[in-house]
Amino acid sequence: MFIEAPNGQVSWIETPEPVDYEAGDVILVVGDKIEIAPKDLWKPEPWVAVVRIKKPDVTVVEFGGSTRIIPTNDVSYFVGNTVEASLDGVIRVLDEKPMRFLDLPEVDDGAIERFIVPDDAVSQSFEDFGGLKEVIDRARELIETPLRNRELLKRIKARRVKGVLFTGEPGTGKTMLARIIAREAQAVFYQIKGPEVVSKWFGQSEELLRKIFSHAERQESAIIFFDEIDSVAGKRDEEAHEASKRLVAQLLTLMDGFSRESDVVVIATTNRPQDIDVALRRPGRFDWEINFPLPNREDREKILAASSRGLSKVDPLPHALIAGRAEGWSGAALAGIWTEAALLAAVDGRDVIVAEDYIGGFERVEAWRRQKEVNSAVNS
């Protein structure tokens, strides 16, 4: 026979012989013995539930992720009310609004603002970027020009630039350039690191994206920047997680849904463009791509000079020498030389960087890179 416990759990008992109990009887189960119990032993706790259906004779309520039919009584309540209920019917109305059984964190403007980079947080300019002039010029043309000259482009009736994909090795300046362009164009800058928009709650990741895009469209001009977009917008194949598929579909819908009046450009970075869902690369989405190569010798010299601005140092410093020895280094690796150089100066009790510190800093970073390559080779 099937039984129900006072807490609402349902189970079954197998008996060796037929029993005469009827549905609704209260029984006492002790070990392998079953006997009829006094009715007053059955005192189930009332539940907090949401009214889903109300008929003249019965009402369907939802609680704890399941539904139950109870008698409709004389208490005044309506569909959608949060109520206190029991097997005898609704006891009282607790709230006119339905209670959410999963109390999801609310996605409001406060949640959106944590993705906005304050104006005073970006102090660099194009002069601070150092090198890669062709990359800078192309990025300004595709991103800054549309933001500054929207009316001119509108009169020309040209197809607007919605999305630009920055590709290249880590440390080549993709994020830095995006922030500089936003500052120069006086655009609100939303910086989203892929996993930051992934929520454990069903549907909330998509809601967060919708709110960010809606917030951006209300600005005079804006840049939505996705760092490492391949981590959240990978290919939708059989192996892809369902949540990832929904997130990609939502991003496609949002990029297609930009109004003609909005002044928003979406930038995304990746060092694995082959892993991005192909639909994101179609016209009207991320159909423009800028590759950030590793800097050549001339660019490395410019990066070294630019990244040393503001440091206390004794000039001249051998930028050309270091640039010549740093073949294949990214801008981030070059900038790391100054951290090591400053530590060497401090160890020697100096408050300025001299050439000896500079060369020593390079040698430390070079040794670390060499060891990293050895470890990678061993692990592979």
Protein backbone atom coordinates (compact mmCIF):
# COMPACT_ATOMS: atom_id res chain seq x y z
CA MET A 1 0.00 0.00 0.00
CA PHE A 2 1.07 3.58 -0.66
CA ILE A 3 1.37 5.86 2.35
CA GLU A 4 1.95 9.55 2.94
CA ALA A 5 3.92 10.92 5.89
CA PRO A 6 2.99 14.16 7.71
CA ASN A 7 5.86 16.00 5.96
CA GLY A 8 4.34 15.24 2.55
CA GLN A 9 6.75 12.49 1.54
CA VAL A 10 5.14 9.53 -0.24
CA SER A 11 6.40 5.94 -0.08
CA TRP A 12 5.03 2.41 -0.09
CA ILE A 13 4.87 -0.61 2.22
CA GLU A 14 4.64 -4.23 1.13
CA THR A 15 2.64 -6.46 3.47
CA PRO A 16 2.70 -10.28 3.47
CA GLU A 17 -1.09 -10.46 3.81
CA PRO A 18 -3.98 -8.32 2.55
CA VAL A 19 -5.04 -5.46 4.83
CA ASP A 20 -8.44 -3.92 5.51
CA TYR A 21 -7.24 -0.30 5.75
CA GLU A 22 -8.99 2.30 3.62
CA ALA A 23 -7.61 5.44 1.96
CA GLY A 24 -7.53 8.16 4.59
CA ASP A 25 -6.88 5.87 7.54
CA VAL A 26 -4.13 6.91 9.94
CA ILE A 27 -1.74 4.06 10.64
CA LEU A 28 1.17 3.57 12.98
CA VAL A 29 4.19 1.76 11.54
CA VAL A 30 6.69 0.34 14.06
CA GLY A 31 9.25 -2.01 12.55
CA ASP A 32 7.30 -4.69 10.68
CA LYS A 33 4.08 -4.02 12.62
CA ILE A 34 1.25 -1.89 11.22
CA GLU A 35 -1.85 -0.92 13.16
CA ILE A 36 -4.65 1.61 13.02
CA ALA A 37 -3.77 4.74 15.01
CA PRO A 38 -5.97 7.44 16.58
CA LYS A 39 -6.86 10.20 14.13
CA ASP A 40 -5.35 12.85 16.42
CA LEU A 41 -1.86 11.44 15.73
CA TRP A 42 -2.09 12.87 12.21
CA LYS A 43 -1.13 16.50 12.65
CA PRO A 44 0.67 17.54 9.48
CA GLU A 45 2.25 20.99 9.44
CA PRO A 46 0.63 23.52 7.09
CA TRP A 47 2.60 24.46 3.98
CA VAL A 48 3.46 27.74 2.32
CA ALA A 49 2.22 27.40 -1.24
CA VAL A 50 1.24 29.34 -4.35
CA VAL A 51 -2.27 28.99 -5.78
CA ARG A 52 -2.02 27.82 -9.41
CA ILE A 53 -5.61 26.76 -10.24
CA LYS A 54 -8.86 27.49 -8.39
CA LYS A 55 -12.06 25.59 -9.20
CA PRO A 56 -15.37 25.67 -7.31
CA ASP A 57 -14.62 22.30 -5.67
CA VAL A 58 -10.81 21.92 -5.70
CA THR A 59 -7.71 24.10 -5.75
CA VAL A 60 -4.26 23.23 -7.11
CA VAL A 61 -1.39 24.66 -5.08
CA GLU A 62 2.36 24.44 -5.66
CA PHE A 63 4.90 24.04 -2.90
CA GLY A 64 8.41 22.61 -2.70
CA GLY A 65 8.52 22.08 -6.47
CA SER A 66 5.41 19.83 -6.52
CA THR A 67 1.67 20.37 -6.85
CA ARG A 68 -1.24 19.20 -4.70
CA ILE A 69 -5.01 19.23 -4.92
CA ILE A 70 -6.85 20.52 -1.84
CA PRO A 71 -10.54 21.36 -1.25
CA THR A 72 -11.74 24.86 -2.15
CA ASN A 73 -13.17 26.43 1.00
CA ASP A 74 -14.69 29.75 2.10
CA VAL A 75 -11.36 31.60 2.52
CA SER A 76 -11.01 34.41 -0.05
CA TYR A 77 -7.96 33.86 -2.30
CA PHE A 78 -7.00 34.04 -5.98
CA VAL A 79 -4.65 32.39 -8.45
CA GLY A 80 -1.11 33.67 -7.84
CA ASN A 81 -1.57 34.30 -4.11
CA THR A 82 0.98 32.94 -1.67
CA VAL A 83 -1.03 31.09 0.97
CA GLU A 84 -0.79 28.95 4.08
CA ALA A 85 -2.55 25.68 3.24
CA SER A 86 -3.28 22.22 4.61
CA LEU A 87 -5.10 19.07 3.50
CA ASP A 88 -8.37 20.80 4.47
CA GLY A 89 -7.80 23.79 2.18
CA VAL A 90 -6.37 27.30 2.27
CA ILE A 91 -5.95 28.66 5.80
CA ARG A 92 -5.03 32.26 4.98
CA VAL A 93 -3.42 34.48 2.34
CA LEU A 94 0.17 35.45 3.16
CA ASP A 95 0.83 37.66 0.13
CA GLU A 96 -1.04 38.61 -3.00
CA LYS A 97 2.08 37.96 -5.11
CA PRO A 98 3.47 34.48 -5.85
CA MET A 99 6.54 33.49 -3.86
CA ARG A 100 9.62 32.39 -5.81
CA PHE A 101 10.78 29.08 -4.38
CA LEU A 102 14.26 29.68 -5.77
CA ASP A 103 15.21 33.10 -4.46
CA LEU A 104 17.28 34.26 -7.42
CA PRO A 105 19.57 37.25 -6.98
CA GLU A 106 17.84 40.17 -8.65
CA VAL A 107 19.35 41.50 -11.87
CA ASP A 108 18.92 45.26 -11.58
CA ASP A 109 20.91 48.37 -12.50
CA GLY A 110 23.12 47.76 -9.47
CA ALA A 111 24.13 44.39 -10.90
CA ILE A 112 24.85 46.01 -14.27
CA GLU A 113 26.97 48.84 -12.90
CA ARG A 114 29.63 46.46 -11.62
CA PHE A 115 30.53 45.80 -15.26
CA ILE A 116 31.04 49.51 -16.02
CA VAL A 117 34.65 50.72 -15.92
CA PRO A 118 34.74 54.21 -14.33
CA ASP A 119 36.14 57.03 -16.47
CA ASP A 120 38.95 57.72 -14.02
CA ALA A 121 40.04 54.06 -14.03
CA VAL A 122 41.57 54.44 -17.49
CA SER A 123 44.51 56.81 -17.59
CA GLN A 124 46.35 55.52 -20.67
CA SER A 125 46.25 57.12 -24.09
CA PHE A 126 47.26 55.91 -27.54
CA GLU A 127 50.77 57.22 -26.85
CA ASP A 128 50.99 54.86 -23.87
CA PHE A 129 50.06 51.85 -25.97
CA GLY A 130 53.37 51.77 -27.83
CA GLY A 131 53.85 50.22 -31.28
CA LEU A 132 51.37 48.34 -33.50
CA LYS A 133 50.39 51.54 -35.33
CA GLU A 134 48.44 49.69 -38.02
CA VAL A 135 46.41 47.88 -35.38
CA ILE A 136 45.64 51.14 -33.56
CA ASP A 137 44.64 52.91 -36.78
CA ARG A 138 42.33 50.08 -37.85
CA ALA A 139 40.71 49.82 -34.42
CA ARG A 140 40.07 53.55 -34.29
CA GLU A 141 38.58 53.42 -37.78
CA LEU A 142 36.21 50.56 -36.99
CA ILE A 143 35.23 51.60 -33.45
CA GLU A 144 35.99 55.22 -32.64
CA THR A 145 34.94 56.65 -36.03
CA PRO A 146 31.37 55.21 -35.91
CA LEU A 147 30.93 56.41 -32.32
CA ARG A 148 32.10 59.94 -33.12
CA ASN A 149 30.49 60.27 -36.57
CA ARG A 150 27.20 58.47 -36.27
CA GLU A 151 25.15 61.16 -38.01
CA LEU A 152 27.49 61.30 -41.01
CA LEU A 153 27.38 57.53 -41.44
CA LYS A 154 23.61 57.60 -41.06
CA ARG A 155 23.26 60.08 -43.89
CA ILE A 156 25.51 57.90 -46.04
CA LYS A 157 23.17 54.99 -45.14
CA ALA A 158 26.08 52.64 -44.61
CA ARG A 159 25.72 49.38 -42.70
CA ARG A 160 26.81 50.07 -39.17
CA VAL A 161 29.67 48.32 -37.41
CA LYS A 162 28.12 46.27 -34.60
CA GLY A 163 30.88 43.92 -33.56
CA VAL A 164 34.67 43.75 -33.81
CA LEU A 165 36.71 40.71 -32.83
CA PHE A 166 40.22 41.25 -31.42
CA THR A 167 42.38 38.16 -31.95
CA GLY A 168 45.95 37.43 -30.98
CA GLU A 169 48.20 35.94 -28.33
CA PRO A 170 47.64 36.82 -24.65
CA GLY A 171 49.42 39.99 -23.54
CA THR A 172 49.35 41.73 -26.94
CA GLY A 173 47.25 44.66 -25.68
CA LYS A 174 43.72 43.76 -26.78
CA THR A 175 42.01 44.81 -23.55
CA MET A 176 44.19 47.88 -23.09
CA LEU A 177 43.43 49.21 -26.58
CA ALA A 178 39.68 48.69 -26.14
CA ARG A 179 39.73 50.70 -22.91
CA ILE A 180 41.78 53.47 -24.50
CA ILE A 181 39.38 53.74 -27.45
CA ALA A 182 36.40 53.97 -25.09
CA ARG A 183 38.13 56.74 -23.15
CA GLU A 184 39.06 58.69 -26.28
CA ALA A 185 35.56 58.29 -27.77
CA GLN A 186 33.96 59.25 -24.42
CA ALA A 187 31.91 56.06 -24.50
CA VAL A 188 30.61 54.14 -21.49
CA PHE A 189 32.74 50.99 -21.26
CA TYR A 190 31.24 47.67 -20.08
CA GLN A 191 33.96 45.09 -19.44
CA ILE A 192 32.75 41.49 -19.17
CA LYS A 193 35.09 38.62 -18.48
CA GLY A 194 33.38 35.57 -19.94
CA PRO A 195 32.57 33.54 -16.80
CA GLU A 196 31.25 36.63 -14.97
CA VAL A 197 27.92 36.42 -16.82
CA VAL A 198 27.46 32.70 -16.25
CA SER A 199 24.93 32.09 -13.46
CA LYS A 200 23.98 28.82 -11.79
CA TRP A 201 20.34 29.90 -11.99
CA PHE A 202 18.41 28.83 -15.07
CA GLY A 203 17.86 31.75 -17.46
CA GLN A 204 19.65 34.34 -15.35
CA SER A 205 22.73 34.52 -17.59
CA GLU A 206 20.52 35.47 -20.51
CA GLU A 207 18.65 38.03 -18.40
CA LEU A 208 21.95 39.59 -17.33
CA LEU A 209 23.05 39.95 -20.97
CA ARG A 210 19.71 41.50 -21.90
CA LYS A 211 20.00 44.03 -19.08
CA ILE A 212 23.59 44.97 -20.02
CA PHE A 213 22.65 45.55 -23.67
CA SER A 214 19.53 47.49 -22.69
CA HIS A 215 21.55 49.66 -20.29
CA ALA A 216 24.16 50.31 -22.99
CA GLU A 217 21.55 51.36 -25.55
CA ARG A 218 20.31 54.04 -23.18
CA GLN A 219 23.75 55.70 -23.16
CA GLU A 220 24.84 58.38 -25.60
CA SER A 221 27.56 55.98 -26.79
CA ALA A 222 28.87 52.72 -25.37
CA ILE A 223 31.27 49.85 -25.90
CA ILE A 224 30.40 46.37 -24.60
CA PHE A 225 33.63 44.44 -24.24
CA PHE A 226 33.74 40.63 -23.87
CA ASP A 227 37.12 39.36 -22.71
CA GLU A 228 37.83 35.75 -23.76
CA ILE A 229 34.47 35.34 -25.44
CA ASP A 230 35.30 31.77 -26.46
CA SER A 231 34.79 30.78 -22.81
CA VAL A 232 31.04 31.56 -23.01
CA ALA A 233 30.26 31.53 -26.74
CA GLY A 234 31.84 28.33 -27.96
CA LYS A 235 30.58 26.26 -30.87
CA ARG A 236 27.09 24.85 -30.42
CA ASP A 237 27.73 21.20 -31.18
CA GLU A 238 26.55 17.96 -29.60
CA GLU A 239 29.14 18.24 -26.83
CA ALA A 240 28.20 21.82 -25.86
CA HIS A 241 26.35 22.37 -22.59
CA GLU A 242 22.71 23.45 -22.92
CA ALA A 243 23.39 26.62 -20.87
CA SER A 244 26.17 27.60 -23.28
CA LYS A 245 23.86 27.11 -26.26
CA ARG A 246 21.24 29.38 -24.69
CA LEU A 247 23.85 32.04 -23.95
CA VAL A 248 25.10 32.05 -27.56
CA ALA A 249 21.53 32.22 -28.86
CA GLN A 250 20.79 35.17 -26.58
CA LEU A 251 23.94 37.03 -27.69
CA LEU A 252 22.99 36.52 -31.35
CA THR A 253 19.50 37.86 -30.69
CA LEU A 254 20.83 40.92 -28.88
CA MET A 255 23.34 41.81 -31.59
CA ASP A 256 20.67 41.42 -34.26
CA GLY A 257 18.25 43.52 -32.23
CA PHE A 258 20.23 46.77 -32.03
CA SER A 259 18.03 49.70 -33.00
CA ARG A 260 19.27 52.03 -35.72
CA GLU A 261 19.34 54.83 -33.16
CA SER A 262 21.66 53.07 -30.73
CA ASP A 263 25.33 54.01 -30.60
CA VAL A 264 26.84 50.79 -29.26
CA VAL A 265 29.78 48.74 -30.52
CA VAL A 266 30.51 45.26 -29.19
CA ILE A 267 34.15 44.19 -28.94
CA ALA A 268 35.26 40.66 -28.09
CA THR A 269 38.72 39.19 -27.59
CA THR A 270 39.99 35.67 -28.10
CA ASN A 271 43.20 33.85 -28.83
CA ARG A 272 41.18 30.91 -30.16
CA PRO A 273 38.88 32.33 -32.87
CA GLN A 274 38.32 28.82 -34.26
CA ASP A 275 36.43 27.92 -31.07
CA ILE A 276 33.81 30.67 -31.38
CA ASP A 277 30.36 29.70 -32.66
CA VAL A 278 30.30 30.28 -36.42
CA ALA A 279 27.01 32.20 -36.24
CA LEU A 280 28.78 34.99 -34.33
CA ARG A 281 31.12 35.56 -37.29
CA ARG A 282 28.36 36.23 -39.82
CA PRO A 283 27.61 39.70 -41.28
CA GLY A 284 26.06 42.11 -38.79
CA ARG A 285 27.74 40.47 -35.81
CA PHE A 286 31.50 39.99 -35.29
CA ASP A 287 32.20 40.25 -39.00
CA TRP A 288 35.19 42.60 -38.49
CA GLU A 289 38.42 41.17 -37.12
CA ILE A 290 41.66 42.81 -36.01
CA ASN A 291 44.64 40.60 -35.32
CA PHE A 292 47.13 41.72 -32.68
CA PRO A 293 50.52 40.28 -33.70
CA LEU A 294 53.52 39.95 -31.44
CA PRO A 295 55.46 43.23 -31.73
CA ASN A 296 58.45 43.50 -34.04
CA ARG A 297 61.74 44.99 -32.90
CA GLU A 298 60.71 48.60 -33.56
CA ASP A 299 57.40 48.09 -31.78
CA ARG A 300 59.12 46.41 -28.82
CA GLU A 301 61.35 49.45 -28.40
CA LYS A 302 58.33 51.75 -28.42
CA ILE A 303 56.50 49.54 -25.91
CA LEU A 304 59.49 49.55 -23.56
CA ALA A 305 59.71 53.32 -23.73
CA ALA A 306 55.96 53.81 -23.30
CA SER A 307 55.64 51.39 -20.38
CA SER A 308 58.45 53.16 -18.50
CA ARG A 309 56.71 56.54 -18.50
CA GLY A 310 56.09 57.73 -14.98
CA LEU A 311 58.83 55.57 -13.45
CA SER A 312 61.71 57.12 -11.53
CA LYS A 313 64.70 56.20 -13.68
CA VAL A 314 68.08 57.47 -14.86
CA ASP A 315 68.16 58.03 -18.63
CA PRO A 316 69.36 56.99 -21.08
CA LEU A 317 68.29 53.36 -20.81
CA PRO A 318 69.19 50.67 -23.39
CA HIS A 319 65.74 50.17 -24.94
CA ALA A 320 67.23 49.16 -28.31
CA LEU A 321 69.43 46.51 -26.70
CA ILE A 322 66.57 44.95 -24.74
CA ALA A 323 64.19 45.13 -27.73
CA GLY A 324 66.72 43.27 -29.84
CA ARG A 325 67.03 40.46 -27.29
CA ALA A 326 63.26 40.11 -26.66
CA GLU A 327 62.27 38.44 -29.92
CA GLY A 328 58.78 36.91 -29.67
CA TRP A 329 57.84 38.72 -26.46
CA SER A 330 54.37 40.21 -25.97
CA GLY A 331 53.74 43.72 -24.71
CA ALA A 332 52.71 42.35 -21.30
CA ALA A 333 55.97 40.39 -21.00
CA LEU A 334 57.98 43.50 -21.90
CA ALA A 335 56.14 45.59 -19.31
CA GLY A 336 56.95 42.93 -16.71
CA ILE A 337 60.64 43.81 -17.02
CA TRP A 338 60.00 47.06 -15.13
CA THR A 339 58.55 45.25 -12.11
CA GLU A 340 61.68 43.15 -11.80
CA ALA A 341 63.91 46.18 -12.43
CA ALA A 342 62.17 48.12 -9.64
CA LEU A 343 62.67 45.22 -7.22
CA LEU A 344 66.39 45.09 -8.02
CA ALA A 345 66.71 48.83 -7.45
CA ALA A 346 64.92 48.58 -4.10
CA VAL A 347 67.14 45.69 -2.97
CA ASP A 348 70.17 47.89 -3.67
CA GLY A 349 68.63 50.73 -1.67
CA ARG A 350 67.94 53.03 -4.63
CA ASP A 351 64.75 54.91 -5.43
CA VAL A 352 65.48 55.12 -9.17
CA ILE A 353 65.96 52.50 -11.88
CA VAL A 354 69.34 52.46 -13.62
CA ALA A 355 70.54 50.54 -16.67
CA GLU A 356 71.91 47.73 -14.49
CA ASP A 357 68.44 47.17 -12.96
CA TYR A 358 66.85 47.30 -16.39
CA ILE A 359 69.13 44.61 -17.82
CA GLY A 360 68.80 42.52 -14.66
CA GLY A 361 65.00 42.75 -14.87
CA PHE A 362 65.11 41.55 -18.47
CA GLU A 363 67.31 38.60 -17.54
CA ARG A 364 64.95 37.58 -14.74
CA VAL A 365 61.89 37.63 -17.01
CA GLU A 366 63.85 35.83 -19.73
CA ALA A 367 64.83 33.06 -17.28
CA TRP A 368 61.21 32.71 -16.12
CA ARG A 369 59.97 32.44 -19.71
CA ARG A 370 62.62 29.84 -20.53
CA GLN A 371 61.62 27.75 -17.51
CA LYS A 372 57.98 28.03 -18.47
CA GLU A 373 58.74 26.70 -21.94
CA VAL A 374 60.65 23.77 -20.45
CA ASN A 375 57.73 22.94 -18.13
CA SER A 376 55.26 23.12 -21.01
CA ALA A 377 57.41 20.76 -23.08
CA VAL A 378 57.64 18.26 -20.19
CA ASN A 379 53.90 18.38 -19.50
CA SER A 380 53.02 17.87 -23.15
